[in-house]
């Protein structure tokens, strides 16, 4: 009976991780399209959330998931809304690479927030994984980081802090789909309410291509991915979601290389190897821990 319950649980976790990979790939389209739109970053964030929020609301209605307002959905909404807006601003003020690498300091802040807000004990393996991953991130963008655009860099770090808040609150919401998806919907509503009025002031005009780009951002870069993320987060821990989500800054320079012709340097390639290897190791260990239903490492002394 135990084996029957363990197998589906492991399969759900594997599916959740696969969904997070797909989500990260779709997220990675954001940087290049934000650069191509001349609007105020507030308007880009607001209109994008208007479209992606409509996708989320449609899915919730189709799936019969009711809207729920509680501290977890509100906390996740605040975190995601501020992170999305700050990241868009950072993209306009500094390079896309800077904005992404600084936003993805989120795993560090996940550990800090979990310890401070929920008194969660930090495990050595978690700290090690985050530390190695961040080293890889620094190496990956070492060829592109510049000392300028300080304000944009600050906004990128703040985006990382609020992204961590979102991951933590969604994880704390447990297996409740209503809380999880309501948090994402709240984020979109907040971004629209704040971003659209402010954004119109700083936007002069637009083109047909820019409208197309923001539709792509709303549907394919945020709308569908956040539906997938909400589903994946049922069986994927906050830290694992964040680490797999780091595939986004890995792939973003690939799109830049394809559409702009910018090729990553040797440091970036070495950093990519470190990140992919670390994330893969983390996923394998998570699967093994679920399958064994006991603390990692307990089987080391067991003879076959």
Protein backbone atom coordinates (compact mmCIF):
# COMPACT_ATOMS: atom_id res chain seq x y z
CA UNK A 1 0.00 0.00 0.00
CA UNK A 2 2.89 2.33 0.76
CA UNK A 3 4.46 1.69 -2.63
CA UNK A 4 1.17 2.50 -4.36
CA UNK A 5 0.96 5.87 -2.66
CA UNK A 6 4.65 6.65 -3.16
CA UNK A 7 4.65 6.04 -6.93
CA UNK A 8 1.89 8.56 -7.81
CA UNK A 9 3.51 11.11 -5.50
CA UNK A 10 6.84 10.75 -7.29
CA UNK A 11 5.14 10.96 -10.68
CA UNK A 12 3.34 14.15 -9.65
CA UNK A 13 6.62 15.68 -8.54
CA UNK A 14 8.32 14.77 -11.82
CA UNK A 15 5.43 16.27 -13.78
CA UNK A 16 5.56 19.43 -11.66
CA UNK A 17 9.26 19.86 -12.39
CA UNK A 18 8.65 19.38 -16.11
CA UNK A 19 5.92 22.02 -16.02
CA UNK A 20 8.32 24.38 -14.28
CA UNK A 21 10.86 23.84 -17.09
CA UNK A 22 8.22 24.75 -19.71
CA UNK A 23 7.20 27.74 -17.59
CA UNK A 24 10.78 29.00 -17.38
CA UNK A 25 11.20 28.71 -21.16
CA UNK A 26 8.09 30.83 -21.75
CA UNK A 27 9.12 33.33 -19.05
CA UNK A 28 12.46 33.78 -20.83
CA UNK A 29 10.80 35.60 -23.74
CA UNK A 30 10.15 38.67 -21.57
CA UNK A 31 13.42 40.57 -21.78
CA UNK A 32 13.65 40.91 -25.55
CA UNK A 33 10.00 42.02 -26.04
CA UNK A 34 10.16 44.55 -23.20
CA UNK A 35 13.18 46.09 -24.93
CA UNK A 36 11.26 46.30 -28.22
CA UNK A 37 8.33 48.26 -26.74
CA UNK A 38 8.82 52.02 -26.32
CA UNK A 39 6.05 52.43 -23.72
CA UNK A 40 6.54 53.39 -20.09
CA UNK A 41 7.53 50.29 -18.10
CA UNK A 42 4.47 50.82 -15.89
CA UNK A 43 2.18 50.66 -18.93
CA UNK A 44 3.94 47.58 -20.29
CA UNK A 45 3.55 45.82 -16.93
CA UNK A 46 -0.08 46.97 -16.59
CA UNK A 47 -1.31 45.98 -20.06
CA UNK A 48 0.62 42.73 -19.93
CA UNK A 49 -1.06 41.88 -16.62
CA UNK A 50 -4.48 42.88 -17.99
CA UNK A 51 -4.08 40.27 -20.73
CA UNK A 52 -2.42 37.57 -18.60
CA UNK A 53 -4.89 38.16 -15.76
CA UNK A 54 -7.73 37.52 -18.19
CA UNK A 55 -6.08 34.23 -19.15
CA UNK A 56 -5.77 33.28 -15.48
CA UNK A 57 -9.38 34.26 -14.69
CA UNK A 58 -10.60 32.23 -17.67
CA UNK A 59 -8.67 29.18 -16.51
CA UNK A 60 -9.98 29.48 -12.96
CA UNK A 61 -13.55 29.64 -14.25
CA UNK A 62 -12.98 26.68 -16.60
CA UNK A 63 -11.39 24.60 -13.83
CA UNK A 64 -14.04 25.56 -11.28
CA UNK A 65 -11.48 27.18 -8.96
CA UNK A 66 -13.08 29.85 -6.82
CA UNK A 67 -11.38 33.07 -5.86
CA UNK A 68 -10.07 33.10 -2.29
CA UNK A 69 -8.81 36.07 -0.29
CA UNK A 70 -6.48 35.24 2.60
CA UNK A 71 -3.04 36.22 3.86
CA UNK A 72 -1.28 33.76 1.57
CA UNK A 73 -3.05 34.83 -1.62
CA UNK A 74 -2.63 38.50 -0.70
CA UNK A 75 1.05 38.04 0.17
CA UNK A 76 1.71 36.16 -3.07
CA UNK A 77 -0.17 38.83 -5.00
CA UNK A 78 1.85 41.67 -3.51
CA UNK A 79 5.10 39.82 -4.14
CA UNK A 80 4.36 38.97 -7.76
CA UNK A 81 2.90 42.38 -8.62
CA UNK A 82 5.87 44.32 -7.29
CA UNK A 83 8.36 41.85 -8.76
CA UNK A 84 6.84 42.05 -12.25
CA UNK A 85 6.66 45.85 -12.20
CA UNK A 86 10.14 46.35 -10.74
CA UNK A 87 11.62 43.88 -13.22
CA UNK A 88 10.04 45.76 -16.14
CA UNK A 89 11.46 49.05 -14.84
CA UNK A 90 14.89 47.46 -14.37
CA UNK A 91 14.79 46.21 -17.97
CA UNK A 92 14.35 49.77 -19.16
CA UNK A 93 17.05 51.30 -16.96
CA UNK A 94 19.77 48.67 -17.26
CA UNK A 95 20.61 45.71 -19.50
CA UNK A 96 18.23 42.74 -19.69
CA UNK A 97 21.04 40.52 -18.38
CA UNK A 98 21.53 42.75 -15.34
CA UNK A 99 17.81 42.82 -14.57
CA UNK A 100 17.43 39.06 -14.82
CA UNK A 101 20.50 38.07 -12.83
CA UNK A 102 19.61 40.48 -10.04
CA UNK A 103 15.97 39.37 -9.95
CA UNK A 104 17.12 35.79 -9.59
CA UNK A 105 18.83 36.46 -6.31
CA UNK A 106 15.37 35.27 -5.15
CA UNK A 107 16.59 31.86 -3.83
CA UNK A 108 18.78 33.64 -1.28
CA UNK A 109 15.84 35.75 -0.14
CA UNK A 110 13.57 32.68 -0.02
CA UNK A 111 15.81 31.20 2.65
CA UNK A 112 16.01 34.51 4.51
CA UNK A 113 12.25 35.14 4.42
CA UNK A 114 11.44 31.56 5.42
CA UNK A 115 13.77 31.83 8.40
CA UNK A 116 12.61 35.30 9.50
CA UNK A 117 8.87 35.05 8.86
CA UNK A 118 8.21 31.37 9.53
CA UNK A 119 11.21 30.35 11.68
CA UNK A 120 12.05 27.61 9.19
CA UNK A 121 15.31 25.82 9.97
CA UNK A 122 17.83 26.12 7.18
CA UNK A 123 19.24 22.84 5.87
CA UNK A 124 22.87 22.70 4.80
CA UNK A 125 21.98 21.18 1.43
CA UNK A 126 19.62 24.08 0.63
CA UNK A 127 22.25 26.66 1.49
CA UNK A 128 24.86 24.81 -0.58
CA UNK A 129 22.61 24.53 -3.64
CA UNK A 130 21.70 28.21 -3.54
CA UNK A 131 25.32 29.27 -3.05
CA UNK A 132 26.59 27.18 -5.97
CA UNK A 133 23.74 28.33 -8.19
CA UNK A 134 24.44 31.97 -7.45
CA UNK A 135 28.13 31.47 -8.27
CA UNK A 136 27.03 30.08 -11.62
CA UNK A 137 24.73 33.03 -12.16
CA UNK A 138 27.53 35.51 -11.51
CA UNK A 139 29.81 33.67 -13.94
CA UNK A 140 27.08 33.44 -16.56
CA UNK A 141 26.63 37.20 -16.67
CA UNK A 142 30.19 38.18 -15.86
CA UNK A 143 30.82 39.16 -19.48
CA UNK A 144 27.73 41.41 -19.58
CA UNK A 145 27.49 43.03 -16.15
CA UNK A 146 28.53 46.67 -15.99
CA UNK A 147 29.01 49.09 -13.09
CA UNK A 148 26.56 51.61 -14.63
CA UNK A 149 22.80 51.85 -14.41
CA UNK A 150 22.89 51.70 -10.61
CA UNK A 151 19.21 52.60 -10.22
CA UNK A 152 18.21 49.82 -12.62
CA UNK A 153 20.35 47.37 -10.68
CA UNK A 154 18.65 48.41 -7.43
CA UNK A 155 15.24 47.79 -8.99
CA UNK A 156 16.48 44.37 -10.15
CA UNK A 157 17.47 43.41 -6.59
CA UNK A 158 14.12 44.63 -5.23
CA UNK A 159 12.39 42.52 -7.89
CA UNK A 160 14.30 39.51 -6.55
CA UNK A 161 13.17 40.19 -2.99
CA UNK A 162 9.50 40.44 -3.98
CA UNK A 163 9.80 37.37 -6.25
CA UNK A 164 11.05 35.44 -3.21
CA UNK A 165 8.03 36.65 -1.23
CA UNK A 166 5.73 35.32 -3.93
CA UNK A 167 7.45 31.90 -3.99
CA UNK A 168 7.32 31.62 -0.20
CA UNK A 169 3.67 32.65 0.15
CA UNK A 170 2.53 30.34 -2.66
CA UNK A 171 4.41 27.49 -0.99
CA UNK A 172 2.86 28.31 2.39
CA UNK A 173 -0.59 28.21 0.83
CA UNK A 174 -0.28 24.43 0.63
CA UNK A 175 -2.31 22.32 -1.79
CA UNK A 176 -5.14 24.84 -2.07
CA UNK A 177 -5.55 25.73 -5.75
CA UNK A 178 -7.88 28.59 -4.87
CA UNK A 179 -5.28 30.31 -2.68
CA UNK A 180 -2.46 29.70 -5.14
CA UNK A 181 -4.21 30.95 -8.25
CA UNK A 182 -6.02 33.74 -6.45
CA UNK A 183 -2.64 35.11 -5.43
CA UNK A 184 -1.51 35.27 -9.06
CA UNK A 185 -4.82 36.86 -10.09
CA UNK A 186 -4.52 39.44 -7.30
CA UNK A 187 -1.03 40.28 -8.58
CA UNK A 188 -2.30 40.93 -12.08
CA UNK A 189 -5.16 43.11 -10.80
CA UNK A 190 -2.78 45.15 -8.63
CA UNK A 191 -0.38 45.63 -11.52
CA UNK A 192 -3.17 46.83 -13.81
CA UNK A 193 -4.58 49.25 -11.21
CA UNK A 194 -1.17 50.74 -10.45
CA UNK A 195 0.58 50.44 -13.81
CA UNK A 196 -1.97 51.57 -16.39
CA UNK A 197 -2.81 55.04 -14.96
CA UNK A 198 0.84 55.85 -14.21
CA UNK A 199 2.05 54.35 -17.49
CA UNK A 200 -0.20 56.41 -19.74
CA UNK A 201 1.46 59.57 -18.43
CA UNK A 202 4.90 58.47 -19.59
CA UNK A 203 3.85 56.99 -22.95
CA UNK A 204 3.74 59.14 -26.09
CA UNK A 205 2.49 56.77 -28.78
CA UNK A 206 2.60 53.21 -30.11
CA UNK A 207 2.75 51.05 -33.22
CA UNK A 208 0.99 47.91 -34.39
CA UNK A 209 4.09 45.83 -33.73
CA UNK A 210 4.30 47.08 -30.13
CA UNK A 211 0.68 46.06 -29.56
CA UNK A 212 1.49 42.62 -30.96
CA UNK A 213 4.54 42.34 -28.69
CA UNK A 214 2.55 43.20 -25.55
CA UNK A 215 -0.11 40.63 -26.52
CA UNK A 216 2.65 38.02 -26.82
CA UNK A 217 3.94 39.08 -23.41
CA UNK A 218 0.48 38.88 -21.86
CA UNK A 219 -0.57 35.51 -23.30
CA UNK A 220 2.60 33.50 -23.84
CA UNK A 221 5.15 35.07 -21.50
CA UNK A 222 2.92 35.47 -18.42
CA UNK A 223 -0.65 34.20 -18.91
CA UNK A 224 -0.12 30.57 -19.86
CA UNK A 225 3.14 30.17 -17.88
CA UNK A 226 1.53 31.28 -14.62
CA UNK A 227 -1.29 28.78 -15.10
CA UNK A 228 1.40 26.11 -15.51
CA UNK A 229 3.30 27.48 -12.51
CA UNK A 230 0.19 27.42 -10.33
CA UNK A 231 -0.33 23.76 -11.24
CA UNK A 232 3.35 22.85 -10.79
CA UNK A 233 3.66 24.52 -7.39
CA UNK A 234 1.28 21.95 -5.88
CA UNK A 235 4.04 19.34 -5.93
CA UNK A 236 7.18 21.47 -6.31
CA UNK A 237 8.70 23.19 -3.27
CA UNK A 238 9.23 27.00 -3.31
CA UNK A 239 13.01 26.65 -3.49
CA UNK A 240 12.82 24.00 -6.25
CA UNK A 241 10.44 26.20 -8.27
CA UNK A 242 12.82 29.12 -7.94
CA UNK A 243 15.89 27.07 -8.88
CA UNK A 244 14.24 25.53 -11.95
CA UNK A 245 12.99 28.99 -12.81
CA UNK A 246 16.64 29.99 -13.15
CA UNK A 247 16.50 28.40 -16.58
CA UNK A 248 14.86 31.69 -17.60
CA UNK A 249 18.04 33.79 -17.29
CA UNK A 250 19.95 30.99 -18.95
CA UNK A 251 17.68 31.04 -21.99
CA UNK A 252 17.19 34.79 -22.24
CA UNK A 253 20.70 35.35 -23.73
CA UNK A 254 19.95 32.55 -26.21
CA UNK A 255 17.02 34.56 -27.59
CA UNK A 256 19.23 37.65 -27.60
CA UNK A 257 21.89 35.73 -29.56
CA UNK A 258 19.30 34.51 -32.08
CA UNK A 259 17.49 37.80 -32.64
CA UNK A 260 20.16 40.39 -31.85
CA UNK A 261 23.39 38.49 -32.54
CA UNK A 262 24.89 38.82 -29.05
CA UNK A 263 26.98 35.74 -28.19
CA UNK A 264 27.76 34.81 -24.54
CA UNK A 265 31.42 34.64 -23.56
CA UNK A 266 33.46 31.85 -21.97
CA UNK A 267 32.54 32.83 -18.40
CA UNK A 268 28.86 32.73 -19.31
CA UNK A 269 29.13 29.26 -20.83
CA UNK A 270 30.98 27.98 -17.77
CA UNK A 271 28.31 29.48 -15.52
CA UNK A 272 25.62 27.77 -17.59
CA UNK A 273 27.23 24.38 -16.99
CA UNK A 274 27.32 25.02 -13.23
CA UNK A 275 23.68 26.09 -13.08
CA UNK A 276 22.29 23.28 -15.23
CA UNK A 277 24.31 20.68 -13.30
CA UNK A 278 23.24 22.08 -9.92
CA UNK A 279 19.55 22.32 -10.82
CA UNK A 280 19.63 18.79 -12.27
CA UNK A 281 21.31 17.45 -9.13
CA UNK A 282 18.71 19.20 -6.97
CA UNK A 283 15.81 17.70 -8.94
CA UNK A 284 17.32 14.19 -8.73
CA UNK A 285 17.77 14.49 -4.97
CA UNK A 286 14.21 15.78 -4.52
CA UNK A 287 12.87 12.79 -6.48
CA UNK A 288 14.98 10.34 -4.51
CA UNK A 289 13.85 11.83 -1.22
CA UNK A 290 10.19 11.55 -2.20
CA UNK A 291 10.62 7.99 -3.43
CA UNK A 292 12.44 6.88 -0.29
CA UNK A 293 10.05 8.73 2.05
CA UNK A 294 12.89 9.33 4.45
CA UNK A 295 15.65 11.92 5.01
CA UNK A 296 18.28 12.16 2.28
CA UNK A 297 21.34 10.10 2.98
CA UNK A 298 19.74 7.50 5.26
CA UNK A 299 20.30 4.73 2.72
CA UNK A 300 24.04 5.33 2.45
CA UNK A 301 24.84 2.69 5.06
CA UNK A 302 22.37 0.19 3.70
CA UNK A 303 23.90 -2.79 1.90
CA UNK A 304 22.21 -4.07 -1.26
